Protein backbone atom coordinates (compact mmCIF):
# COMPACT_ATOMS: atom_id res chain seq x y z
CA MET A 1 98.20 45.91 34.37
CA TYR A 2 101.77 46.63 34.48
CA TYR A 3 103.09 50.24 35.63
CA PRO A 4 106.76 51.17 35.38
CA MET A 5 108.65 51.63 38.58
CA LYS A 6 108.73 55.42 38.27
CA SER A 7 104.86 55.66 37.60
CA LEU A 8 104.27 53.34 40.78
CA LEU A 9 106.53 55.71 42.88
CA LYS A 10 104.63 58.65 41.53
CA ILE A 11 101.19 57.22 42.33
CA CYS A 12 102.48 56.13 45.83
CA ALA A 13 103.66 59.60 46.36
CA ILE A 14 100.42 61.19 45.45
CA PHE A 15 98.51 58.85 47.43
CA MET A 16 100.63 59.68 50.61
CA LEU A 17 100.27 63.16 49.82
CA GLY A 18 96.45 62.86 49.92
CA MET A 19 96.52 61.14 53.09
CA VAL A 20 98.56 63.82 54.69
CA ILE A 21 96.08 66.50 53.50
CA ALA A 22 93.26 64.64 54.67
CA ALA A 23 94.81 64.16 58.16
CA CYS A 24 95.89 67.86 58.32
CA ASN A 25 92.42 68.99 57.49
CA LYS A 26 90.90 66.62 60.06
CA ALA A 27 93.36 67.97 62.68
CA ASP A 28 92.50 71.68 61.74
CA LYS A 29 88.87 70.86 62.10
CA SER A 30 89.37 69.13 65.39
CA THR A 31 91.40 72.15 66.48
CA MET A 32 88.89 74.71 65.47
CA GLU A 33 86.13 72.67 67.04
CA THR A 34 88.06 72.25 70.46
CA GLY A 35 89.14 75.91 70.31
CA LYS A 36 85.43 76.91 70.09
CA GLN A 37 84.42 74.92 72.97
CA GLU A 38 87.53 76.26 75.01
CA THR A 39 86.51 79.55 74.13
CA ASP A 40 82.90 79.10 75.13
CA SER A 41 83.75 77.58 78.37
CA ILE A 42 86.38 80.36 79.39
CA PRO A 43 84.84 81.95 82.62
CA GLU A 44 84.64 85.58 82.72
CA ALA A 45 87.46 85.85 85.24
CA GLN A 46 90.69 84.39 84.56
CA VAL A 47 91.86 82.88 87.97
CA SER A 48 95.38 83.66 89.00
CA LYS A 49 97.79 81.04 90.51
CA GLU A 50 97.89 83.08 93.90
CA PRO A 51 96.96 80.72 96.82
CA GLY A 52 93.29 80.71 97.52
CA THR A 53 92.19 82.71 94.75
CA ILE A 54 88.78 81.64 93.27
CA PHE A 55 87.91 84.70 91.07
CA GLU A 56 89.88 87.37 89.39
CA ASN A 57 89.30 89.85 86.76
CA GLU A 58 91.09 93.19 85.87
CA TYR A 59 88.96 95.02 88.51
CA ALA A 60 88.92 92.73 91.62
CA ARG A 61 90.12 89.44 93.22
CA VAL A 62 88.54 87.24 95.71
CA PHE A 63 90.23 84.47 97.64
CA ILE A 64 89.43 82.03 100.57
CA GLU A 65 91.26 82.16 103.71
CA SER A 66 91.30 79.05 105.80
CA LEU A 67 93.00 78.39 109.21
CA GLU A 68 93.02 75.03 110.98
CA PRO A 69 92.26 75.14 114.81
CA GLY A 70 95.19 76.89 116.58
CA GLU A 71 96.71 77.89 113.24
CA GLN A 72 98.23 81.24 112.79
CA GLN A 73 98.77 83.35 109.76
CA THR A 74 102.18 84.87 108.89
CA GLU A 75 102.09 88.64 109.16
CA HIS A 76 101.31 90.13 105.95
CA GLU A 77 100.25 93.39 104.32
CA GLY A 78 96.50 93.67 103.44
CA VAL A 79 94.79 96.29 101.27
CA SER A 80 91.41 97.72 101.68
CA ARG A 81 88.99 94.77 101.78
CA VAL A 82 85.61 93.08 102.35
CA ILE A 83 85.60 89.98 104.44
CA TYR A 84 82.55 87.55 104.26
CA SER A 85 82.56 84.72 107.08
CA LEU A 86 81.95 81.34 105.58
CA ASN A 87 81.39 79.59 108.95
CA ASP A 88 81.39 80.66 112.71
CA TYR A 89 84.80 81.01 114.16
CA LEU A 90 86.83 82.79 116.83
CA ILE A 91 90.22 84.30 116.12
CA GLU A 92 92.87 86.41 117.90
CA TRP A 93 93.42 89.49 115.81
CA ASN A 94 96.77 91.49 115.43
CA GLU A 95 97.10 94.43 113.30
CA ASN A 96 100.04 97.00 112.78
CA GLY A 97 101.92 95.56 115.66
CA GLN A 98 99.00 95.54 118.20
CA ASN A 99 97.11 92.77 119.71
CA LEU A 100 93.52 93.77 119.28
CA GLY A 101 92.07 90.72 121.26
CA THR A 102 89.52 88.23 120.05
CA LYS A 103 86.89 88.50 117.38
CA GLU A 104 84.01 86.31 116.86
CA TRP A 105 82.35 85.98 113.68
CA LYS A 106 79.24 84.08 112.46
CA MET A 107 78.42 82.61 109.02
CA GLY A 108 77.13 85.27 106.58
CA ASP A 109 78.96 88.24 108.74
CA VAL A 110 80.42 91.00 106.81
CA HIS A 111 83.13 93.54 107.94
CA PHE A 112 85.73 95.61 106.27
CA HIS A 113 89.44 96.18 106.98
CA LYS A 114 91.60 99.10 106.07
CA PRO A 115 95.07 98.67 104.58
CA GLY A 116 97.63 97.37 107.23
CA ASN A 117 99.97 94.55 108.32
CA HIS A 118 98.21 91.94 110.16
CA PHE A 119 97.72 88.40 111.20
CA ALA A 120 95.04 86.13 112.56
CA LYS A 121 95.11 83.14 114.82
CA ASN A 122 92.31 80.66 114.81
CA LEU A 123 91.03 80.10 118.44
CA SER A 124 88.27 77.81 117.38
CA ASN A 125 88.14 73.96 117.70
CA LYS A 126 87.37 73.99 113.98
CA PRO A 127 88.55 75.42 110.84
CA ALA A 128 87.97 79.01 110.31
CA GLU A 129 87.15 80.14 106.69
CA TRP A 130 86.46 83.59 105.15
CA LEU A 131 86.13 85.17 101.60
CA VAL A 132 88.34 88.33 101.06
CA PHE A 133 87.08 90.77 98.36
CA VAL A 134 89.85 93.21 97.10
CA ARG A 135 89.89 95.87 94.36
CA THR A 136 92.69 96.23 91.89
CA THR A 137 94.04 99.53 90.69
CA THR A 138 92.48 99.50 87.46
CA GLU A 139 89.70 102.02 86.84
CA LEU A 140 86.18 100.73 87.10
CA PRO A 141 83.93 100.87 84.07
CA ALA A 142 82.15 104.10 83.79
CA CYS A 143 78.10 104.52 83.51
CA GLU A 144 77.10 108.21 83.18
CA SER A 145 73.50 107.41 83.92
CA MET A 146 74.02 105.63 87.03
CA ASN A 147 72.61 106.81 90.36
CA PRO A 148 73.86 104.86 93.18
CA LYS A 149 70.94 105.92 95.35
CA LYS A 150 68.72 103.94 93.15
CA ASP A 151 70.05 100.50 93.48
CA ALA A 152 68.14 97.38 94.64
CA THR A 153 67.80 98.57 98.10
CA ALA A 154 65.82 101.64 97.06
CA PHE A 155 62.98 99.69 95.79
CA ASN A 156 61.87 96.81 98.04
CA GLN A 157 63.48 95.92 101.51
CA GLU A 158 61.61 92.49 101.09
CA PHE A 159 64.05 91.53 98.51
CA ALA A 160 67.15 93.47 99.37
CA SER A 161 68.90 94.02 102.75
CA LEU A 162 72.20 96.07 103.41
CA LEU A 163 74.74 94.03 105.06
CA ASN A 164 77.40 96.53 105.53
CA GLU A 165 78.97 99.90 103.87
CA ASP A 166 81.89 102.23 104.17
CA GLU A 167 83.49 104.62 101.80
CA ASN A 168 84.86 101.92 99.53
CA PHE A 169 82.25 99.14 99.48
CA LYS A 170 78.63 98.44 99.69
CA VAL A 171 77.41 94.84 100.53
CA VAL A 172 73.89 93.93 99.91
CA LYS A 173 72.00 90.60 100.45
CA ILE A 174 69.32 89.61 97.96
CA LYS A 175 66.57 87.00 98.41
CA LEU A 176 64.06 86.73 95.44
CA GLY A 177 61.50 84.45 95.55
CA PRO A 178 60.29 82.19 92.40
CA GLY A 179 58.64 84.29 89.86
CA LYS A 180 59.50 87.46 91.82
CA MET A 181 61.14 90.46 89.90
CA ILE A 182 63.36 93.51 91.10
CA PRO A 183 62.36 96.18 88.64
CA LYS A 184 64.74 98.34 86.68
CA HIS A 185 67.33 99.82 89.04
CA ASP A 186 71.05 101.03 89.08
CA GLY A 187 73.68 98.81 90.23
CA LEU A 188 77.24 99.53 90.90
CA ASN A 189 80.22 97.61 89.45
CA ARG A 190 80.03 94.45 91.72
CA LEU A 191 80.68 90.88 92.30
CA VAL A 192 77.96 88.47 92.98
CA TYR A 193 78.38 85.58 95.31
CA SER A 194 75.63 82.69 95.11
CA LEU A 195 74.32 81.57 98.31
CA SER A 196 71.91 79.22 96.61
CA ASP A 197 71.23 77.39 93.35
CA TYR A 198 68.94 79.59 91.27
CA LYS A 199 67.81 80.79 87.64
CA LEU A 200 67.37 84.57 86.70
CA SER A 201 66.36 86.43 83.70
CA TYR A 202 68.65 89.43 83.61
CA THR A 203 67.67 92.44 81.35
CA ASP A 204 70.29 95.25 80.67
CA GLU A 205 69.98 98.91 80.17
CA LYS A 206 69.41 98.21 76.33
CA GLY A 207 66.57 95.96 77.35
CA ILE A 208 68.24 92.94 76.24
CA SER A 209 67.50 89.81 78.23
CA ASN A 210 69.71 86.80 79.26
CA ASP A 211 68.80 83.77 81.19
CA LYS A 212 71.43 82.92 83.74
CA GLU A 213 71.68 79.78 86.01
CA TYR A 214 74.00 79.92 89.09
CA ARG A 215 74.97 77.26 91.74
CA LYS A 216 75.79 77.85 95.32
CA GLY A 217 79.27 79.25 95.77
CA ASP A 218 79.56 80.63 92.12
CA MET A 219 80.98 84.04 91.82
CA HIS A 220 80.61 86.45 88.88
CA TRP A 221 81.13 90.04 87.86
CA HIS A 222 78.84 92.63 86.56
CA ASP A 223 79.66 96.22 85.33
CA GLY A 224 77.58 98.96 86.66
CA CYS A 225 74.40 100.43 85.01
CA ALA A 226 70.56 99.92 84.77
CA HIS A 227 69.05 96.43 84.75
CA SER A 228 66.26 94.35 86.09
CA ILE A 229 66.09 90.60 87.31
CA LYS A 230 63.39 88.14 87.61
CA ASN A 231 63.58 84.85 89.34
CA THR A 232 62.51 82.23 86.50
CA GLY A 233 63.21 79.17 88.68
CA THR A 234 61.34 77.33 91.27
CA THR A 235 63.76 77.89 94.22
CA GLU A 236 64.63 81.14 96.00
CA ALA A 237 67.40 83.05 94.58
CA GLU A 238 69.76 84.16 97.25
CA PHE A 239 72.95 85.96 96.79
CA VAL A 240 75.37 88.51 98.07
CA LEU A 241 76.50 91.72 96.04
CA VAL A 242 79.72 93.22 96.84
CA SER A 243 79.82 96.71 95.11
CA PHE A 244 82.56 98.78 94.59
CA LYS A 245 82.15 102.58 95.15
CA LYS A 246 85.43 103.75 93.60
């Protein structure tokens, strides 16, 4: 069949336009699908680019300090903070221009520091590593019904043990066996650091339950208020709560 040149050009143009539209639709669909996947995978903390940061949201930041044997920090200013030791180490501690001697810490030890200029030197023959938990200046989420005296430690010492507490922070270790449950209790605004792999069912103050799975070394945030938890896995759930009082 014979088509005039203008008709052929018109047909080609229509064909090419159809191809472009189809490609755009496909790209849009791909972008939407990718965007959904990215949204679904966005963690609850947007980790900053500051060195060592492993968790950060508007309320708190957690970072790792690591010193090689004989290595010394540059003197720097620190805010009120919680220190959680990741291994055994011996350091020389200097604070506000004074040498305060040596400090020995074991894995799992917790201690607090007040604001001030400081630096540490690793006196061990192996790396020294610890986590630093700090608060931002953002006001914490409010929960009017919360009673801080009715947290996990108020129910059963079999599950919860107080590691340390001061005017700013409360640090509690939880060990919950398979099938065990901590009934409804009040929790402060807190960071949770996983010490093992485990699965939990978390029920909030509205009675809504969610299944959660965590790996050793995971860090996540919980707003304060009433909740209960149950170990739904086959292994012991072991984790540390770093709670913020103010």
